[in-house]
Amino acid sequence: MKKIILLILVTMLFVSPFVAATTMTTSDKIQSQKTMPCTTSEFTHTVFIEEGVTTWCPNCPNAAKALYSMYNASEYPFYFVALITDKNPIAQNRSWWHYLEYVIPTIFIDGGFIQYDSSGKTPELTEQLYRPYIEEAGARTVHPLELTTNVVGHRDATLDITVTVKNTGSKPYLGYVRSYVTEIISRWNNQQGDPFNFGFLDYAIINVIFLAPQQSRTYTMTWDGAANHRGVTFPDIVDDNIMVITAVAHWLPHFIAKEEYIGPHFAFYVDQTVGASVE
């Protein structure tokens, strides 16, 4: 089974050629939206959003500000990470080669359950665009999981990270665990000169996980910012500025056909997400 999963992942990464990213606002295209009435109490899980951006993109600041504003308002249970593709090769791999993103900004909600490839003309209008999609994802039927993350910093660019996943359902669970190390205030600025938020640095934990009903599994590791992260190092991270965001996705691949600005790829839908700051 693990060999089959790895084959799917390799195919997913290399099935299509990369096309250079361009920028987009809602003025560039007309896209219908389905509004789904949903309140926070109706969310089945904490939603996970990956935000594909670059530092030079003129439309990315509106997307970034909209997500950060909604996050701070705590209206919806969600976490997001900024995949700053022109600065971080690991973020580039996730955005370009996994999702085959051709246009920026693009948000990928719950591992690709929803993909939206534009922003509004202002942060406020962008919030209006994103809200129905977050609500739709939040109302999904998911596999029941409990997820906790703990992060201990040593003020020397190392982090001790512990992640525990419990299958609270009655059926076996097979999926993927990914822990994203992020800077709450990123070292990289957007096109307007303001820092991104929850800028992705590298994965701390990335594993296939199998859990019997009611079984739990704990992963521990020490992440070193000063190490070589595909040619980039982060020896200057500040503990108080770090959040580790962990998402668990089910193994079942969902084939996403090529759209106008997104290539064909496999999506693995997220069932639970949690974030933890450094203790």
C-alpha atoms as a PDB file:
ATOM      1  CA  MET A   1       0.000   0.000   0.000  1.00  0.00           C
ATOM      2  CA  LYS A   2       2.794   2.437   0.882  1.00  0.00           C
ATOM      3  CA  LYS A   3       4.474   1.747  -2.473  1.00  0.00           C
ATOM      4  CA  ILE A   4       1.217   2.571  -4.273  1.00  0.00           C
ATOM      5  CA  ILE A   5       0.875   5.805  -2.334  1.00  0.00           C
ATOM      6  CA  LEU A   6       4.441   6.843  -3.114  1.00  0.00           C
ATOM      7  CA  LEU A   7       3.854   6.106  -6.818  1.00  0.00           C
ATOM      8  CA  ILE A   8       0.779   8.304  -6.778  1.00  0.00           C
ATOM      9  CA  LEU A   9       2.766  11.107  -5.164  1.00  0.00           C
ATOM     10  CA  VAL A  10       5.565  10.898  -7.730  1.00  0.00           C
ATOM     11  CA  THR A  11       3.063  10.870 -10.588  1.00  0.00           C
ATOM     12  CA  MET A  12       1.257  13.822  -9.056  1.00  0.00           C
ATOM     13  CA  LEU A  13       4.448  15.870  -8.866  1.00  0.00           C
ATOM     14  CA  PHE A  14       5.641  15.281 -12.412  1.00  0.00           C
ATOM     15  CA  VAL A  15       2.562  14.629 -14.528  1.00  0.00           C
ATOM     16  CA  SER A  16       2.459  18.086 -16.142  1.00  0.00           C
ATOM     17  CA  PRO A  17       4.975  20.729 -17.222  1.00  0.00           C
ATOM     18  CA  PHE A  18       5.199  23.974 -15.293  1.00  0.00           C
ATOM     19  CA  VAL A  19       3.768  27.117 -16.832  1.00  0.00           C
ATOM     20  CA  ALA A  20       5.053  30.456 -15.543  1.00  0.00           C
ATOM     21  CA  ALA A  21       2.726  32.057 -13.000  1.00  0.00           C
ATOM     22  CA  THR A  22       0.837  35.228 -13.769  1.00  0.00           C
ATOM     23  CA  THR A  23      -1.251  37.440 -11.514  1.00  0.00           C
ATOM     24  CA  MET A  24      -5.014  37.771 -11.381  1.00  0.00           C
ATOM     25  CA  THR A  25      -7.773  39.817  -9.769  1.00  0.00           C
ATOM     26  CA  THR A  26     -11.500  39.246 -10.047  1.00  0.00           C
ATOM     27  CA  SER A  27     -11.637  41.928 -12.734  1.00  0.00           C
ATOM     28  CA  ASP A  28      -9.769  39.518 -15.037  1.00  0.00           C
ATOM     29  CA  LYS A  29     -12.492  36.892 -15.071  1.00  0.00           C
ATOM     30  CA  ILE A  30     -16.050  36.177 -14.032  1.00  0.00           C
ATOM     31  CA  GLN A  31     -16.534  33.268 -11.663  1.00  0.00           C
ATOM     32  CA  SER A  32     -19.780  32.159 -10.053  1.00  0.00           C
ATOM     33  CA  GLN A  33     -19.907  31.574  -6.316  1.00  0.00           C
ATOM     34  CA  LYS A  34     -22.121  29.249  -4.317  1.00  0.00           C
ATOM     35  CA  THR A  35     -23.008  30.719  -0.947  1.00  0.00           C
ATOM     36  CA  MET A  36     -23.413  28.108   1.757  1.00  0.00           C
ATOM     37  CA  PRO A  37     -24.941  29.218   5.045  1.00  0.00           C
ATOM     38  CA  CYS A  38     -22.600  28.043   7.741  1.00  0.00           C
ATOM     39  CA  THR A  39     -21.697  29.179  11.228  1.00  0.00           C
ATOM     40  CA  THR A  40     -18.606  28.363  13.239  1.00  0.00           C
ATOM     41  CA  SER A  41     -20.612  25.900  15.317  1.00  0.00           C
ATOM     42  CA  GLU A  42     -21.396  23.975  12.122  1.00  0.00           C
ATOM     43  CA  PHE A  43     -17.749  23.534  11.144  1.00  0.00           C
ATOM     44  CA  THR A  44     -16.793  19.877  11.216  1.00  0.00           C
ATOM     45  CA  HIS A  45     -13.069  20.587  11.590  1.00  0.00           C
ATOM     46  CA  THR A  46     -10.440  23.314  11.543  1.00  0.00           C
ATOM     47  CA  VAL A  47      -9.894  24.335   7.934  1.00  0.00           C
ATOM     48  CA  PHE A  48      -6.436  24.545   6.360  1.00  0.00           C
ATOM     49  CA  ILE A  49      -5.499  27.081   3.661  1.00  0.00           C
ATOM     50  CA  GLU A  50      -2.325  27.257   1.589  1.00  0.00           C
ATOM     51  CA  GLU A  51      -1.794  30.640  -0.052  1.00  0.00           C
ATOM     52  CA  GLY A  52       0.346  30.666  -3.202  1.00  0.00           C
ATOM     53  CA  VAL A  53       2.054  34.067  -3.559  1.00  0.00           C
ATOM     54  CA  THR A  54       5.229  35.873  -4.590  1.00  0.00           C
ATOM     55  CA  THR A  55       6.913  38.999  -3.264  1.00  0.00           C
ATOM     56  CA  TRP A  56       6.498  40.830  -6.597  1.00  0.00           C
ATOM     57  CA  CYS A  57       2.829  40.005  -7.239  1.00  0.00           C
ATOM     58  CA  PRO A  58       0.711  43.219  -7.203  1.00  0.00           C
ATOM     59  CA  ASN A  59      -2.515  41.350  -6.353  1.00  0.00           C
ATOM     60  CA  CYS A  60      -1.113  39.157  -3.576  1.00  0.00           C
ATOM     61  CA  PRO A  61      -1.252  41.759  -0.762  1.00  0.00           C
ATOM     62  CA  ASN A  62      -5.046  41.813  -0.892  1.00  0.00           C
ATOM     63  CA  ALA A  63      -5.186  38.032  -0.523  1.00  0.00           C
ATOM     64  CA  ALA A  64      -2.655  38.073   2.316  1.00  0.00           C
ATOM     65  CA  LYS A  65      -4.381  40.873   4.216  1.00  0.00           C
ATOM     66  CA  ALA A  66      -7.805  39.288   3.793  1.00  0.00           C
ATOM     67  CA  LEU A  67      -6.685  35.943   5.208  1.00  0.00           C
ATOM     68  CA  TYR A  68      -4.842  37.540   8.116  1.00  0.00           C
ATOM     69  CA  SER A  69      -7.806  39.765   8.934  1.00  0.00           C
ATOM     70  CA  MET A  70     -10.208  36.804   8.998  1.00  0.00           C
ATOM     71  CA  TYR A  71      -7.726  34.772  11.045  1.00  0.00           C
ATOM     72  CA  ASN A  72      -7.381  37.528  13.647  1.00  0.00           C
ATOM     73  CA  ALA A  73     -11.157  37.974  13.822  1.00  0.00           C
ATOM     74  CA  SER A  74     -11.496  34.313  14.895  1.00  0.00           C
ATOM     75  CA  GLU A  75     -14.812  34.124  13.082  1.00  0.00           C
ATOM     76  CA  TYR A  76     -13.876  30.849  11.427  1.00  0.00           C
ATOM     77  CA  PRO A  77     -11.709  28.019  12.775  1.00  0.00           C
ATOM     78  CA  PHE A  78      -8.876  27.929  10.243  1.00  0.00           C
ATOM     79  CA  TYR A  79      -5.122  28.234   9.843  1.00  0.00           C
ATOM     80  CA  PHE A  80      -3.232  29.345   6.773  1.00  0.00           C
ATOM     81  CA  VAL A  81       0.320  29.279   5.476  1.00  0.00           C
ATOM     82  CA  ALA A  82       1.882  31.560   2.855  1.00  0.00           C
ATOM     83  CA  LEU A  83       3.770  29.650   0.164  1.00  0.00           C
ATOM     84  CA  ILE A  84       6.147  32.402  -0.989  1.00  0.00           C
ATOM     85  CA  THR A  85       7.323  30.704  -4.135  1.00  0.00           C
ATOM     86  CA  ASP A  86       9.965  33.150  -5.375  1.00  0.00           C
ATOM     87  CA  LYS A  87      11.868  33.001  -2.068  1.00  0.00           C
ATOM     88  CA  ASN A  88      11.499  29.443  -0.852  1.00  0.00           C
ATOM     89  CA  PRO A  89      12.161  26.420  -3.104  1.00  0.00           C
ATOM     90  CA  ILE A  90      10.187  24.135  -0.795  1.00  0.00           C
ATOM     91  CA  ALA A  91       7.142  26.407  -1.037  1.00  0.00           C
ATOM     92  CA  GLN A  92       7.699  26.548  -4.794  1.00  0.00           C
ATOM     93  CA  ASN A  93       7.652  22.767  -5.013  1.00  0.00           C
ATOM     94  CA  ARG A  94       4.388  22.562  -3.089  1.00  0.00           C
ATOM     95  CA  SER A  95       2.652  25.287  -5.078  1.00  0.00           C
ATOM     96  CA  TRP A  96       4.044  24.753  -8.573  1.00  0.00           C
ATOM     97  CA  TRP A  97       4.681  21.037  -8.738  1.00  0.00           C
ATOM     98  CA  HIS A  98       2.060  19.596  -6.390  1.00  0.00           C
ATOM     99  CA  TYR A  99      -0.858  21.896  -7.161  1.00  0.00           C
ATOM    100  CA  LEU A 100       0.446  22.980 -10.597  1.00  0.00           C
ATOM    101  CA  GLU A 101      -0.488  26.568  -9.828  1.00  0.00           C
ATOM    102  CA  TYR A 102      -0.194  28.814 -12.900  1.00  0.00           C
ATOM    103  CA  VAL A 103      -1.526  32.086 -11.487  1.00  0.00           C
ATOM    104  CA  ILE A 104      -1.059  34.097  -8.299  1.00  0.00           C
ATOM    105  CA  PRO A 105      -2.533  34.581  -5.841  1.00  0.00           C
ATOM    106  CA  THR A 106      -4.232  31.210  -5.495  1.00  0.00           C
ATOM    107  CA  ILE A 107      -5.606  29.712  -2.300  1.00  0.00           C
ATOM    108  CA  PHE A 108      -5.881  25.954  -1.810  1.00  0.00           C
ATOM    109  CA  ILE A 109      -8.392  25.063   0.879  1.00  0.00           C
ATOM    110  CA  ASP A 110      -8.195  21.752   2.745  1.00  0.00           C
ATOM    111  CA  GLY A 111      -5.542  20.253   0.494  1.00  0.00           C
ATOM    112  CA  GLY A 112      -7.260  21.240  -2.741  1.00  0.00           C
ATOM    113  CA  PHE A 113     -10.909  20.571  -1.877  1.00  0.00           C
ATOM    114  CA  ILE A 114     -11.413  24.133  -3.133  1.00  0.00           C
ATOM    115  CA  GLN A 115      -8.982  26.153  -5.248  1.00  0.00           C
ATOM    116  CA  TYR A 116      -9.559  29.817  -5.948  1.00  0.00           C
ATOM    117  CA  ASP A 117      -7.172  31.674  -8.216  1.00  0.00           C
ATOM    118  CA  SER A 118      -7.711  35.411  -7.790  1.00  0.00           C
ATOM    119  CA  SER A 119      -8.249  38.197  -5.272  1.00  0.00           C
ATOM    120  CA  GLY A 120     -10.543  41.204  -5.005  1.00  0.00           C
ATOM    121  CA  LYS A 121      -9.569  44.799  -5.670  1.00  0.00           C
ATOM    122  CA  THR A 122      -9.311  45.428  -1.901  1.00  0.00           C
ATOM    123  CA  PRO A 123      -8.709  43.209   1.142  1.00  0.00           C
ATOM    124  CA  GLU A 124     -12.332  43.711   2.169  1.00  0.00           C
ATOM    125  CA  LEU A 125     -13.640  42.546  -1.203  1.00  0.00           C
ATOM    126  CA  THR A 126     -11.245  39.617  -1.089  1.00  0.00           C
ATOM    127  CA  GLU A 127     -12.688  38.573   2.262  1.00  0.00           C
ATOM    128  CA  GLN A 128     -16.131  38.530   0.671  1.00  0.00           C
ATOM    129  CA  LEU A 129     -14.808  36.287  -2.083  1.00  0.00           C
ATOM    130  CA  TYR A 130     -13.083  33.853   0.275  1.00  0.00           C
ATOM    131  CA  ARG A 131     -15.741  33.520   2.970  1.00  0.00           C
ATOM    132  CA  PRO A 132     -18.157  31.220   1.062  1.00  0.00           C
ATOM    133  CA  TYR A 133     -15.322  28.870   0.176  1.00  0.00           C
ATOM    134  CA  ILE A 134     -14.084  28.657   3.769  1.00  0.00           C
ATOM    135  CA  GLU A 135     -17.624  27.991   4.915  1.00  0.00           C
ATOM    136  CA  GLU A 136     -18.133  25.316   2.272  1.00  0.00           C
ATOM    137  CA  ALA A 137     -14.929  23.569   3.308  1.00  0.00           C
ATOM    138  CA  GLY A 138     -15.818  23.896   6.985  1.00  0.00           C
ATOM    139  CA  ALA A 139     -19.115  22.075   6.426  1.00  0.00           C
ATOM    140  CA  ARG A 140     -17.449  19.039   4.806  1.00  0.00           C
ATOM    141  CA  THR A 141     -17.924  15.568   6.194  1.00  0.00           C
ATOM    142  CA  VAL A 142     -14.475  14.555   7.437  1.00  0.00           C
ATOM    143  CA  HIS A 143     -12.866  11.569   9.097  1.00  0.00           C
ATOM    144  CA  PRO A 144     -12.893  12.063  12.892  1.00  0.00           C
ATOM    145  CA  LEU A 145      -9.433  12.915  14.202  1.00  0.00           C
ATOM    146  CA  GLU A 146      -7.963  14.580  17.270  1.00  0.00           C
ATOM    147  CA  LEU A 147      -4.764  16.479  16.593  1.00  0.00           C
ATOM    148  CA  THR A 148      -2.349  18.218  18.956  1.00  0.00           C
ATOM    149  CA  THR A 149       0.982  19.940  18.391  1.00  0.00           C
ATOM    150  CA  ASN A 150       3.527  21.125  20.937  1.00  0.00           C
ATOM    151  CA  VAL A 151       6.568  23.274  20.166  1.00  0.00           C
ATOM    152  CA  VAL A 152       9.473  24.042  22.506  1.00  0.00           C
ATOM    153  CA  GLY A 153      12.111  26.555  21.454  1.00  0.00           C
ATOM    154  CA  HIS A 154      15.669  26.922  22.722  1.00  0.00           C
ATOM    155  CA  ARG A 155      16.460  30.365  21.296  1.00  0.00           C
ATOM    156  CA  ASP A 156      19.184  28.855  19.137  1.00  0.00           C
ATOM    157  CA  ALA A 157      17.121  28.238  15.970  1.00  0.00           C
ATOM    158  CA  THR A 158      16.157  24.724  17.100  1.00  0.00           C
ATOM    159  CA  LEU A 159      12.603  23.619  17.862  1.00  0.00           C
ATOM    160  CA  ASP A 160      11.458  20.444  19.591  1.00  0.00           C
ATOM    161  CA  ILE A 161       8.173  19.518  17.936  1.00  0.00           C
ATOM    162  CA  THR A 162       5.671  16.893  19.084  1.00  0.00           C
ATOM    163  CA  VAL A 163       2.581  15.966  17.087  1.00  0.00           C
ATOM    164  CA  THR A 164      -0.070  13.493  18.245  1.00  0.00           C
ATOM    165  CA  VAL A 165      -2.822  12.202  15.982  1.00  0.00           C
ATOM    166  CA  LYS A 166      -5.727  10.116  17.282  1.00  0.00           C
ATOM    167  CA  ASN A 167      -8.292   8.316  15.163  1.00  0.00           C
ATOM    168  CA  THR A 168     -11.524   8.834  17.106  1.00  0.00           C
ATOM    169  CA  GLY A 169     -13.620   7.025  14.517  1.00  0.00           C
ATOM    170  CA  SER A 170     -14.743   3.434  14.152  1.00  0.00           C
ATOM    171  CA  LYS A 171     -12.822   2.707  10.940  1.00  0.00           C
ATOM    172  CA  PRO A 172      -9.074   2.478  10.213  1.00  0.00           C
ATOM    173  CA  TYR A 173      -7.447   5.689   8.969  1.00  0.00           C
ATOM    174  CA  LEU A 174      -4.662   6.073   6.428  1.00  0.00           C
ATOM    175  CA  GLY A 175      -3.335   9.488   5.570  1.00  0.00           C
ATOM    176  CA  TYR A 176      -0.507  12.008   5.595  1.00  0.00           C
ATOM    177  CA  VAL A 177       0.801  14.221   8.395  1.00  0.00           C
ATOM    178  CA  ARG A 178       2.482  17.494   7.436  1.00  0.00           C
ATOM    179  CA  SER A 179       3.797  20.023   9.942  1.00  0.00           C
ATOM    180  CA  TYR A 180       4.630  23.417   8.441  1.00  0.00           C
ATOM    181  CA  VAL A 181       7.130  25.627  10.275  1.00  0.00           C
ATOM    182  CA  THR A 182       6.045  29.227   9.692  1.00  0.00           C
ATOM    183  CA  GLU A 183       7.073  32.724  10.734  1.00  0.00           C
ATOM    184  CA  ILE A 184       4.048  34.592  12.084  1.00  0.00           C
ATOM    185  CA  ILE A 185       5.544  37.789  10.695  1.00  0.00           C
ATOM    186  CA  SER A 186       7.471  36.629   7.668  1.00  0.00           C
ATOM    187  CA  ARG A 187      11.003  37.709   6.740  1.00  0.00           C
ATOM    188  CA  TRP A 188       9.666  38.261   3.228  1.00  0.00           C
ATOM    189  CA  ASN A 189       7.579  41.280   2.249  1.00  0.00           C
ATOM    190  CA  ASN A 190       4.806  41.522  -0.267  1.00  0.00           C
ATOM    191  CA  GLN A 191       4.798  43.885  -3.243  1.00  0.00           C
ATOM    192  CA  GLN A 192       3.547  46.737  -1.041  1.00  0.00           C
ATOM    193  CA  GLY A 193       6.457  46.319   1.378  1.00  0.00           C
ATOM    194  CA  ASP A 194       4.465  44.681   4.180  1.00  0.00           C
ATOM    195  CA  PRO A 195       5.503  41.290   5.585  1.00  0.00           C
ATOM    196  CA  PHE A 196       3.480  38.206   4.774  1.00  0.00           C
ATOM    197  CA  ASN A 197       2.007  36.304   7.703  1.00  0.00           C
ATOM    198  CA  PHE A 198       2.640  32.644   8.485  1.00  0.00           C
ATOM    199  CA  GLY A 199       5.351  32.495   5.852  1.00  0.00           C
ATOM    200  CA  PHE A 200       6.282  28.856   5.256  1.00  0.00           C
ATOM    201  CA  LEU A 201       9.911  27.907   5.942  1.00  0.00           C
ATOM    202  CA  ASP A 202      10.005  24.101   5.732  1.00  0.00           C
ATOM    203  CA  TYR A 203       8.250  20.960   6.879  1.00  0.00           C
ATOM    204  CA  ALA A 204       9.126  19.672  10.323  1.00  0.00           C
ATOM    205  CA  ILE A 205       7.231  16.396  10.011  1.00  0.00           C
ATOM    206  CA  ILE A 206       5.965  14.775   6.827  1.00  0.00           C
ATOM    207  CA  ASN A 207       4.838  11.161   7.191  1.00  0.00           C
ATOM    208  CA  VAL A 208       2.355   8.571   6.072  1.00  0.00           C
ATOM    209  CA  ILE A 209       0.177   7.547   9.017  1.00  0.00           C
ATOM    210  CA  PHE A 210      -2.004   4.499   9.657  1.00  0.00           C
ATOM    211  CA  LEU A 211      -4.275   4.350  12.688  1.00  0.00           C
ATOM    212  CA  ALA A 212      -6.668   1.656  13.837  1.00  0.00           C
ATOM    213  CA  PRO A 213      -9.929   2.881  15.397  1.00  0.00           C
ATOM    214  CA  GLN A 214      -9.250   4.806  18.613  1.00  0.00           C
ATOM    215  CA  GLN A 215      -5.495   4.455  18.099  1.00  0.00           C
ATOM    216  CA  SER A 216      -3.116   7.397  18.456  1.00  0.00           C
ATOM    217  CA  ARG A 217       0.413   8.011  17.240  1.00  0.00           C
ATOM    218  CA  THR A 218       2.959  10.578  18.366  1.00  0.00           C
ATOM    219  CA  TYR A 219       5.791  12.025  16.288  1.00  0.00           C
ATOM    220  CA  THR A 220       8.692  13.953  17.761  1.00  0.00           C
ATOM    221  CA  MET A 221      11.592  15.701  16.080  1.00  0.00           C
ATOM    222  CA  THR A 222      14.046  18.559  16.491  1.00  0.00           C
ATOM    223  CA  TRP A 223      13.916  21.068  13.658  1.00  0.00           C
ATOM    224  CA  ASP A 224      17.040  23.131  13.074  1.00  0.00           C
ATOM    225  CA  GLY A 225      16.606  26.437  11.309  1.00  0.00           C
ATOM    226  CA  ALA A 226      20.356  26.689  10.741  1.00  0.00           C
ATOM    227  CA  ALA A 227      20.392  23.474   8.713  1.00  0.00           C
ATOM    228  CA  ASN A 228      20.292  23.448   4.924  1.00  0.00           C
ATOM    229  CA  HIS A 229      16.681  23.587   3.754  1.00  0.00           C
ATOM    230  CA  ARG A 230      17.129  23.025   0.020  1.00  0.00           C
ATOM    231  CA  GLY A 231      19.673  25.796  -0.233  1.00  0.00           C
ATOM    232  CA  VAL A 232      18.029  28.157   2.273  1.00  0.00           C
ATOM    233  CA  THR A 233      18.889  28.532   5.962  1.00  0.00           C
ATOM    234  CA  PHE A 234      17.032  30.198   8.819  1.00  0.00           C
ATOM    235  CA  PRO A 235      19.565  30.581  11.667  1.00  0.00           C
ATOM    236  CA  ASP A 236      17.965  33.852  12.765  1.00  0.00           C
ATOM    237  CA  ILE A 237      14.455  32.644  13.585  1.00  0.00           C
ATOM    238  CA  VAL A 238      12.913  34.098  16.740  1.00  0.00           C
ATOM    239  CA  ASP A 239      11.013  31.662  18.949  1.00  0.00           C
ATOM    240  CA  ASP A 240       8.194  34.092  19.702  1.00  0.00           C
ATOM    241  CA  ASN A 241       7.634  34.553  15.948  1.00  0.00           C
ATOM    242  CA  ILE A 242       7.186  30.866  15.118  1.00  0.00           C
ATOM    243  CA  MET A 243       4.012  28.849  14.655  1.00  0.00           C
ATOM    244  CA  VAL A 244       3.975  25.214  13.594  1.00  0.00           C
ATOM    245  CA  ILE A 245       0.808  24.321  11.705  1.00  0.00           C
ATOM    246  CA  THR A 246       0.001  20.639  11.296  1.00  0.00           C
ATOM    247  CA  ALA A 247      -2.535  19.254   8.834  1.00  0.00           C
ATOM    248  CA  VAL A 248      -3.609  15.632   8.403  1.00  0.00           C
ATOM    249  CA  ALA A 249      -4.990  14.606   5.024  1.00  0.00           C
ATOM    250  CA  HIS A 250      -6.727  11.373   4.016  1.00  0.00           C
ATOM    251  CA  TRP A 251      -4.845   9.098   1.616  1.00  0.00           C
ATOM    252  CA  LEU A 252      -7.616   8.908  -0.993  1.00  0.00           C
ATOM    253  CA  PRO A 253      -6.547  10.902  -4.073  1.00  0.00           C
ATOM    254  CA  HIS A 254      -9.081  13.152  -5.794  1.00  0.00           C
ATOM    255  CA  PHE A 255      -8.171  13.878  -9.384  1.00  0.00           C
ATOM    256  CA  ILE A 256      -8.507  17.569 -10.224  1.00  0.00           C
ATOM    257  CA  ALA A 257      -8.864  18.087 -13.967  1.00  0.00           C
ATOM    258  CA  LYS A 258      -7.012  20.941 -15.615  1.00  0.00           C
ATOM    259  CA  GLU A 259      -8.679  24.281 -15.120  1.00  0.00           C
ATOM    260  CA  GLU A 260      -7.844  27.578 -16.764  1.00  0.00           C
ATOM    261  CA  TYR A 261      -5.038  28.451 -14.378  1.00  0.00           C
ATOM    262  CA  ILE A 262      -4.443  25.199 -12.474  1.00  0.00           C
ATOM    263  CA  GLY A 263      -2.953  22.050 -13.994  1.00  0.00           C
ATOM    264  CA  PRO A 264      -4.261  18.519 -13.479  1.00  0.00           C
ATOM    265  CA  HIS A 265      -3.186  17.032 -10.176  1.00  0.00           C
ATOM    266  CA  PHE A 266      -4.231  14.837  -7.274  1.00  0.00           C
ATOM    267  CA  ALA A 267      -5.727  16.509  -4.203  1.00  0.00           C
ATOM    268  CA  PHE A 268      -5.646  14.917  -0.760  1.00  0.00           C
ATOM    269  CA  TYR A 269      -8.358  16.437   1.402  1.00  0.00           C
ATOM    270  CA  VAL A 270      -7.451  17.622   4.896  1.00  0.00           C
ATOM    271  CA  ASP A 271      -9.432  16.186   7.810  1.00  0.00           C
ATOM    272  CA  GLN A 272      -7.970  18.195  10.698  1.00  0.00           C
ATOM    273  CA  THR A 273      -5.576  21.069  11.378  1.00  0.00           C
ATOM    274  CA  VAL A 274      -3.952  22.577  14.440  1.00  0.00           C
ATOM    275  CA  GLY A 275      -1.429  25.336  15.091  1.00  0.00           C
ATOM    276  CA  ALA A 276       0.974  25.794  17.990  1.00  0.00           C
ATOM    277  CA  SER A 277       3.233  28.680  18.942  1.00  0.00           C
ATOM    278  CA  VAL A 278       6.545  28.129  20.707  1.00  0.00           C
ATOM    279  CA  GLU A 279       6.302  27.593  24.439  1.00  0.00           C
END
